[in-house]
């Protein structure tokens, strides 16, 4: 899994696997899911992150495994 913060475009992107993206759907304003040919979600893009997450939080990532 890869996580990318794109400050220039004010976006956060989670890439779940490397399957080619064949379709994208905005499921909520500013939240876009990318789908593979098999219909699996392979990416999640969140737009407008500066308004959703404080800037200092974007510099610090926290991972949890259950």
N, C-alpha and C. Protein backbone atom coordinates (compact mmCIF):
# COMPACT_ATOMS: atom_id res chain seq x y z
N UNK A 1 0.84 -1.17 0.00
CA UNK A 1 0.00 0.00 0.00
C UNK A 1 0.89 1.24 0.00
N UNK A 2 0.48 2.24 -0.76
CA UNK A 2 1.21 3.50 -0.81
C UNK A 2 0.27 4.63 -0.39
N UNK A 3 0.83 5.62 0.26
CA UNK A 3 0.08 6.81 0.64
C UNK A 3 0.82 8.01 0.08
N UNK A 4 0.08 8.88 -0.60
CA UNK A 4 0.71 10.06 -1.20
C UNK A 4 -0.08 11.30 -0.80
N UNK A 5 0.65 12.30 -0.30
CA UNK A 5 0.06 13.60 -0.01
C UNK A 5 0.50 14.53 -1.13
N UNK A 6 -0.45 15.07 -1.87
CA UNK A 6 -0.18 15.98 -2.97
C UNK A 6 -0.59 17.38 -2.52
N UNK A 7 0.37 18.13 -1.98
CA UNK A 7 0.07 19.45 -1.45
C UNK A 7 -0.38 20.42 -2.53
N UNK A 8 0.20 20.32 -3.72
CA UNK A 8 -0.15 21.23 -4.82
C UNK A 8 -1.62 21.09 -5.23
N UNK A 9 -2.12 19.85 -5.22
CA UNK A 9 -3.51 19.60 -5.61
C UNK A 9 -4.44 19.39 -4.42
N UNK A 10 -3.89 19.57 -3.20
CA UNK A 10 -4.68 19.47 -1.98
C UNK A 10 -5.41 18.13 -1.90
N UNK A 11 -4.64 17.04 -2.08
CA UNK A 11 -5.25 15.71 -2.12
C UNK A 11 -4.41 14.69 -1.34
N UNK A 12 -5.10 13.67 -0.87
CA UNK A 12 -4.47 12.53 -0.20
C UNK A 12 -4.90 11.28 -0.96
N UNK A 13 -3.95 10.41 -1.30
CA UNK A 13 -4.27 9.23 -2.11
C UNK A 13 -3.72 7.97 -1.45
N UNK A 14 -4.58 6.99 -1.27
CA UNK A 14 -4.21 5.66 -0.77
C UNK A 14 -4.28 4.70 -1.95
N UNK A 15 -3.17 4.11 -2.28
CA UNK A 15 -3.14 3.10 -3.36
C UNK A 15 -3.06 1.73 -2.68
N UNK A 16 -4.09 0.92 -2.82
CA UNK A 16 -4.18 -0.35 -2.12
C UNK A 16 -3.43 -1.47 -2.82
N UNK A 17 -3.45 -1.48 -4.16
CA UNK A 17 -2.61 -2.42 -4.92
C UNK A 17 -2.33 -1.82 -6.28
N UNK A 18 -1.53 -2.52 -7.07
CA UNK A 18 -1.04 -1.95 -8.34
C UNK A 18 -1.85 -2.36 -9.56
N UNK A 19 -3.05 -2.90 -9.35
CA UNK A 19 -3.91 -3.24 -10.49
C UNK A 19 -4.26 -1.98 -11.26
N UNK A 20 -4.37 -2.08 -12.58
CA UNK A 20 -4.74 -0.90 -13.37
C UNK A 20 -6.13 -0.38 -12.98
N UNK A 21 -6.26 0.93 -12.94
CA UNK A 21 -7.54 1.56 -12.64
C UNK A 21 -8.33 1.65 -13.95
N UNK A 22 -9.54 1.08 -13.95
CA UNK A 22 -10.38 1.12 -15.15
C UNK A 22 -11.60 2.02 -14.99
N UNK A 23 -11.91 2.37 -13.74
CA UNK A 23 -13.07 3.22 -13.49
C UNK A 23 -12.88 3.94 -12.16
N UNK A 24 -13.39 5.15 -12.09
CA UNK A 24 -13.37 5.93 -10.86
C UNK A 24 -14.77 6.45 -10.59
N UNK A 25 -15.10 6.54 -9.30
CA UNK A 25 -16.43 7.03 -8.93
C UNK A 25 -16.32 7.92 -7.70
N UNK A 26 -16.90 9.11 -7.79
CA UNK A 26 -16.96 9.99 -6.63
C UNK A 26 -18.14 9.54 -5.79
N UNK A 27 -17.86 8.96 -4.62
CA UNK A 27 -18.90 8.37 -3.78
C UNK A 27 -19.47 9.37 -2.78
N UNK A 28 -18.72 10.41 -2.54
CA UNK A 28 -19.13 11.52 -1.69
C UNK A 28 -18.34 12.72 -2.19
N UNK A 29 -18.81 13.91 -1.97
CA UNK A 29 -18.10 15.08 -2.48
C UNK A 29 -16.65 15.07 -2.00
N UNK A 30 -15.72 14.99 -2.97
CA UNK A 30 -14.30 15.00 -2.67
C UNK A 30 -13.71 13.66 -2.28
N UNK A 31 -14.47 12.58 -2.37
CA UNK A 31 -13.97 11.23 -2.07
C UNK A 31 -14.19 10.36 -3.31
N UNK A 32 -13.07 9.92 -3.90
CA UNK A 32 -13.13 9.19 -5.16
C UNK A 32 -12.53 7.80 -4.97
N UNK A 33 -13.25 6.79 -5.41
CA UNK A 33 -12.77 5.42 -5.37
C UNK A 33 -12.32 5.02 -6.77
N UNK A 34 -11.17 4.37 -6.86
CA UNK A 34 -10.67 3.82 -8.12
C UNK A 34 -10.88 2.31 -8.11
N UNK A 35 -11.39 1.78 -9.22
CA UNK A 35 -11.71 0.36 -9.32
C UNK A 35 -10.87 -0.34 -10.37
N UNK A 36 -10.58 -1.62 -10.12
CA UNK A 36 -9.89 -2.47 -11.09
C UNK A 36 -10.92 -3.07 -12.03
N UNK A 37 -10.45 -3.81 -13.03
CA UNK A 37 -11.35 -4.49 -13.96
C UNK A 37 -12.23 -5.52 -13.25
N UNK A 38 -11.75 -6.06 -12.13
CA UNK A 38 -12.51 -7.04 -11.37
C UNK A 38 -13.52 -6.39 -10.41
N UNK A 39 -13.58 -5.05 -10.42
CA UNK A 39 -14.52 -4.36 -9.55
C UNK A 39 -14.02 -4.12 -8.14
N UNK A 40 -12.75 -4.40 -7.90
CA UNK A 40 -12.16 -4.20 -6.58
C UNK A 40 -11.69 -2.75 -6.43
N UNK A 41 -11.83 -2.20 -5.23
CA UNK A 41 -11.30 -0.86 -4.95
C UNK A 41 -9.79 -0.98 -4.85
N UNK A 42 -9.07 -0.21 -5.67
CA UNK A 42 -7.60 -0.25 -5.66
C UNK A 42 -7.00 1.09 -5.23
N UNK A 43 -7.83 2.12 -5.12
CA UNK A 43 -7.33 3.42 -4.70
C UNK A 43 -8.44 4.27 -4.11
N UNK A 44 -8.05 5.14 -3.18
CA UNK A 44 -8.98 6.06 -2.55
C UNK A 44 -8.33 7.44 -2.57
N UNK A 45 -9.01 8.41 -3.16
CA UNK A 45 -8.49 9.78 -3.20
C UNK A 45 -9.44 10.69 -2.42
N UNK A 46 -8.84 11.52 -1.57
CA UNK A 46 -9.61 12.48 -0.79
C UNK A 46 -9.12 13.87 -1.17
N UNK A 47 -10.03 14.67 -1.69
CA UNK A 47 -9.69 16.03 -2.12
C UNK A 47 -9.99 17.02 -1.01
N UNK A 48 -9.32 18.15 -1.05
CA UNK A 48 -9.57 19.21 -0.07
C UNK A 48 -9.10 18.86 1.32
N UNK A 49 -7.94 18.18 1.40
CA UNK A 49 -7.48 17.71 2.71
C UNK A 49 -7.08 18.83 3.65
N UNK A 50 -6.67 19.96 3.10
CA UNK A 50 -6.28 21.08 3.97
C UNK A 50 -7.45 21.56 4.82
N UNK A 51 -8.64 21.40 4.33
CA UNK A 51 -9.83 21.77 5.09
C UNK A 51 -10.34 20.65 5.98
N UNK A 52 -9.80 19.46 5.82
CA UNK A 52 -10.26 18.30 6.60
C UNK A 52 -9.29 17.90 7.70
N UNK A 53 -7.99 18.14 7.46
CA UNK A 53 -6.95 17.67 8.38
C UNK A 53 -6.01 18.83 8.68
N UNK A 54 -5.70 19.08 9.96
CA UNK A 54 -4.73 20.13 10.26
C UNK A 54 -3.38 19.83 9.61
N UNK A 55 -2.69 20.87 9.13
CA UNK A 55 -1.43 20.72 8.40
C UNK A 55 -0.40 19.91 9.18
N UNK A 56 -0.31 20.11 10.49
CA UNK A 56 0.68 19.37 11.28
C UNK A 56 0.40 17.87 11.32
N UNK A 57 -0.87 17.50 11.16
CA UNK A 57 -1.23 16.08 11.14
C UNK A 57 -0.80 15.40 9.85
N UNK A 58 -0.74 16.15 8.74
CA UNK A 58 -0.34 15.57 7.46
C UNK A 58 1.12 15.18 7.44
N UNK A 59 1.92 15.77 8.31
CA UNK A 59 3.35 15.45 8.36
C UNK A 59 3.62 14.21 9.21
N UNK A 60 2.59 13.74 9.92
CA UNK A 60 2.77 12.61 10.82
C UNK A 60 1.74 11.54 10.47
N UNK A 61 2.22 10.38 10.10
CA UNK A 61 1.33 9.26 9.79
C UNK A 61 1.38 8.25 10.92
N UNK A 62 0.26 7.71 11.26
CA UNK A 62 0.16 6.74 12.34
C UNK A 62 -0.50 5.48 11.79
N UNK A 63 0.16 4.34 11.93
CA UNK A 63 -0.37 3.08 11.43
C UNK A 63 -0.82 2.22 12.60
N UNK A 64 -1.95 1.57 12.43
CA UNK A 64 -2.45 0.65 13.45
C UNK A 64 -2.71 -0.69 12.79
N UNK A 65 -2.27 -1.74 13.43
CA UNK A 65 -2.55 -3.10 12.98
C UNK A 65 -3.30 -3.79 14.10
N UNK A 66 -4.42 -4.38 13.74
CA UNK A 66 -5.26 -5.04 14.75
C UNK A 66 -5.11 -6.53 14.64
